[in-house]
Amino acid sequence: METEMVKITKASSKGQVVIPEDIRKRLKIQKGSIFVITSKKEMIVLRKLDTKMTKADLRTLKAVEDAWKDMEHGKYKVLNVNEFSQELSEW
């Protein structure tokens, strides 16, 4: 099982955010890659998209939507970095 690493980056004066090189390589992000982005309160979710949406992509987007609703209703837990990485890798 691959362990996800937490990275820190910052926004430029134009609002651009650098995706670290190792993540770009692992996800095969190249110039022109397409992303879907959403935000809620202080959280941003960024997902690389293929030009074709698969059923798995739609299920993932639905799961994110359901997670937002759960958070709005106080249904969430606080995780440390290791717990978050483990849950993210299982997701």
C-alpha atoms as a PDB file:
ATOM      1  CA  MET A   1       0.000   0.000   0.000  1.00  0.00           C
ATOM      2  CA  GLU A   2       1.385   3.379  -1.006  1.00  0.00           C
ATOM      3  CA  THR A   3       1.704   5.950   1.769  1.00  0.00           C
ATOM      4  CA  GLU A   4       0.688   9.477   0.827  1.00  0.00           C
ATOM      5  CA  MET A   5       2.989  12.262   1.912  1.00  0.00           C
ATOM      6  CA  VAL A   6       1.749  15.619   3.102  1.00  0.00           C
ATOM      7  CA  LYS A   7       3.373  18.506   1.235  1.00  0.00           C
ATOM      8  CA  ILE A   8       3.359  22.230   1.923  1.00  0.00           C
ATOM      9  CA  THR A   9       3.150  24.799  -0.858  1.00  0.00           C
ATOM     10  CA  LYS A  10       2.119  28.431  -1.148  1.00  0.00           C
ATOM     11  CA  ALA A  11       0.132  30.625  -3.493  1.00  0.00           C
ATOM     12  CA  SER A  12       1.786  33.142  -5.810  1.00  0.00           C
ATOM     13  CA  SER A  13       0.619  36.743  -6.170  1.00  0.00           C
ATOM     14  CA  LYS A  14      -1.605  35.494  -9.036  1.00  0.00           C
ATOM     15  CA  GLY A  15      -3.153  32.754  -6.871  1.00  0.00           C
ATOM     16  CA  GLN A  16      -1.179  29.982  -8.548  1.00  0.00           C
ATOM     17  CA  VAL A  17      -0.193  27.000  -6.395  1.00  0.00           C
ATOM     18  CA  VAL A  18       2.757  24.744  -7.190  1.00  0.00           C
ATOM     19  CA  ILE A  19       2.075  20.999  -7.120  1.00  0.00           C
ATOM     20  CA  PRO A  20       5.311  19.367  -5.912  1.00  0.00           C
ATOM     21  CA  GLU A  21       7.289  17.527  -8.598  1.00  0.00           C
ATOM     22  CA  ASP A  22       7.017  14.053  -7.064  1.00  0.00           C
ATOM     23  CA  ILE A  23       3.220  14.354  -6.969  1.00  0.00           C
ATOM     24  CA  ARG A  24       3.127  15.660 -10.572  1.00  0.00           C
ATOM     25  CA  LYS A  25       5.203  12.677 -11.711  1.00  0.00           C
ATOM     26  CA  ARG A  26       3.159  10.107  -9.777  1.00  0.00           C
ATOM     27  CA  LEU A  27      -0.138  11.498 -11.111  1.00  0.00           C
ATOM     28  CA  LYS A  28       1.285  12.128 -14.602  1.00  0.00           C
ATOM     29  CA  ILE A  29       0.321  15.816 -14.452  1.00  0.00           C
ATOM     30  CA  GLN A  30       1.553  17.665 -17.512  1.00  0.00           C
ATOM     31  CA  LYS A  31       1.007  21.078 -19.042  1.00  0.00           C
ATOM     32  CA  GLY A  32      -2.666  21.252 -19.992  1.00  0.00           C
ATOM     33  CA  SER A  33      -3.851  18.623 -17.463  1.00  0.00           C
ATOM     34  CA  ILE A  34      -7.462  19.269 -16.459  1.00  0.00           C
ATOM     35  CA  PHE A  35      -8.672  19.487 -12.862  1.00  0.00           C
ATOM     36  CA  VAL A  36     -11.926  19.860 -11.003  1.00  0.00           C
ATOM     37  CA  ILE A  37     -11.711  22.019  -7.879  1.00  0.00           C
ATOM     38  CA  THR A  38     -14.156  22.714  -5.097  1.00  0.00           C
ATOM     39  CA  SER A  39     -13.956  24.430  -1.742  1.00  0.00           C
ATOM     40  CA  LYS A  40     -15.868  24.570   1.489  1.00  0.00           C
ATOM     41  CA  LYS A  41     -14.922  26.866   4.343  1.00  0.00           C
ATOM     42  CA  GLU A  42     -11.109  26.458   4.706  1.00  0.00           C
ATOM     43  CA  MET A  43     -10.683  23.283   2.607  1.00  0.00           C
ATOM     44  CA  ILE A  44      -9.854  22.909  -1.096  1.00  0.00           C
ATOM     45  CA  VAL A  45     -10.222  19.639  -3.008  1.00  0.00           C
ATOM     46  CA  LEU A  46      -8.377  19.365  -6.326  1.00  0.00           C
ATOM     47  CA  ARG A  47      -8.750  16.300  -8.551  1.00  0.00           C
ATOM     48  CA  LYS A  48      -7.035  15.580 -11.854  1.00  0.00           C
ATOM     49  CA  LEU A  49      -9.534  14.593 -14.527  1.00  0.00           C
ATOM     50  CA  ASP A  50      -9.229  12.564 -17.656  1.00  0.00           C
ATOM     51  CA  THR A  51     -11.130  13.974 -20.590  1.00  0.00           C
ATOM     52  CA  LYS A  52     -13.529  11.049 -20.084  1.00  0.00           C
ATOM     53  CA  MET A  53     -15.528  10.771 -16.862  1.00  0.00           C
ATOM     54  CA  THR A  54     -15.756   7.176 -15.679  1.00  0.00           C
ATOM     55  CA  LYS A  55     -18.295   5.674 -13.313  1.00  0.00           C
ATOM     56  CA  ALA A  56     -15.529   5.567 -10.686  1.00  0.00           C
ATOM     57  CA  ASP A  57     -14.950   9.329 -11.166  1.00  0.00           C
ATOM     58  CA  LEU A  58     -18.645  10.017 -10.662  1.00  0.00           C
ATOM     59  CA  ARG A  59     -18.716   7.836  -7.516  1.00  0.00           C
ATOM     60  CA  THR A  60     -15.690   9.721  -6.145  1.00  0.00           C
ATOM     61  CA  LEU A  61     -17.294  13.107  -6.814  1.00  0.00           C
ATOM     62  CA  LYS A  62     -20.511  11.886  -5.134  1.00  0.00           C
ATOM     63  CA  ALA A  63     -18.478  10.694  -2.124  1.00  0.00           C
ATOM     64  CA  VAL A  64     -16.864  14.149  -1.825  1.00  0.00           C
ATOM     65  CA  GLU A  65     -20.300  15.790  -2.003  1.00  0.00           C
ATOM     66  CA  ASP A  66     -21.604  13.440   0.698  1.00  0.00           C
ATOM     67  CA  ALA A  67     -18.538  14.183   2.854  1.00  0.00           C
ATOM     68  CA  TRP A  68     -19.248  17.947   2.625  1.00  0.00           C
ATOM     69  CA  LYS A  69     -22.805  17.307   3.823  1.00  0.00           C
ATOM     70  CA  ASP A  70     -21.545  15.192   6.724  1.00  0.00           C
ATOM     71  CA  MET A  71     -19.103  17.933   7.739  1.00  0.00           C
ATOM     72  CA  GLU A  72     -21.889  20.534   7.626  1.00  0.00           C
ATOM     73  CA  HIS A  73     -23.847  18.377  10.085  1.00  0.00           C
ATOM     74  CA  GLY A  74     -20.878  17.936  12.433  1.00  0.00           C
ATOM     75  CA  LYS A  75     -20.193  14.353  11.345  1.00  0.00           C
ATOM     76  CA  TYR A  76     -16.417  14.340  11.103  1.00  0.00           C
ATOM     77  CA  LYS A  77     -13.375  13.324  13.082  1.00  0.00           C
ATOM     78  CA  VAL A  78     -10.022  14.985  13.679  1.00  0.00           C
ATOM     79  CA  LEU A  79      -7.042  12.936  12.464  1.00  0.00           C
ATOM     80  CA  ASN A  80      -3.318  13.337  12.944  1.00  0.00           C
ATOM     81  CA  VAL A  81      -1.100  13.342   9.822  1.00  0.00           C
ATOM     82  CA  ASN A  82      -0.461   9.570   9.897  1.00  0.00           C
ATOM     83  CA  GLU A  83      -4.142   8.724  10.366  1.00  0.00           C
ATOM     84  CA  PHE A  84      -5.082  11.153   7.568  1.00  0.00           C
ATOM     85  CA  SER A  85      -2.466   9.646   5.212  1.00  0.00           C
ATOM     86  CA  GLN A  86      -3.722   6.133   5.975  1.00  0.00           C
ATOM     87  CA  GLU A  87      -7.353   7.069   5.353  1.00  0.00           C
ATOM     88  CA  LEU A  88      -6.443   8.953   2.182  1.00  0.00           C
ATOM     89  CA  SER A  89      -4.516   5.971   0.805  1.00  0.00           C
ATOM     90  CA  GLU A  90      -7.512   3.697   1.478  1.00  0.00           C
ATOM     91  CA  TRP A  91      -9.857   6.201  -0.199  1.00  0.00           C
END
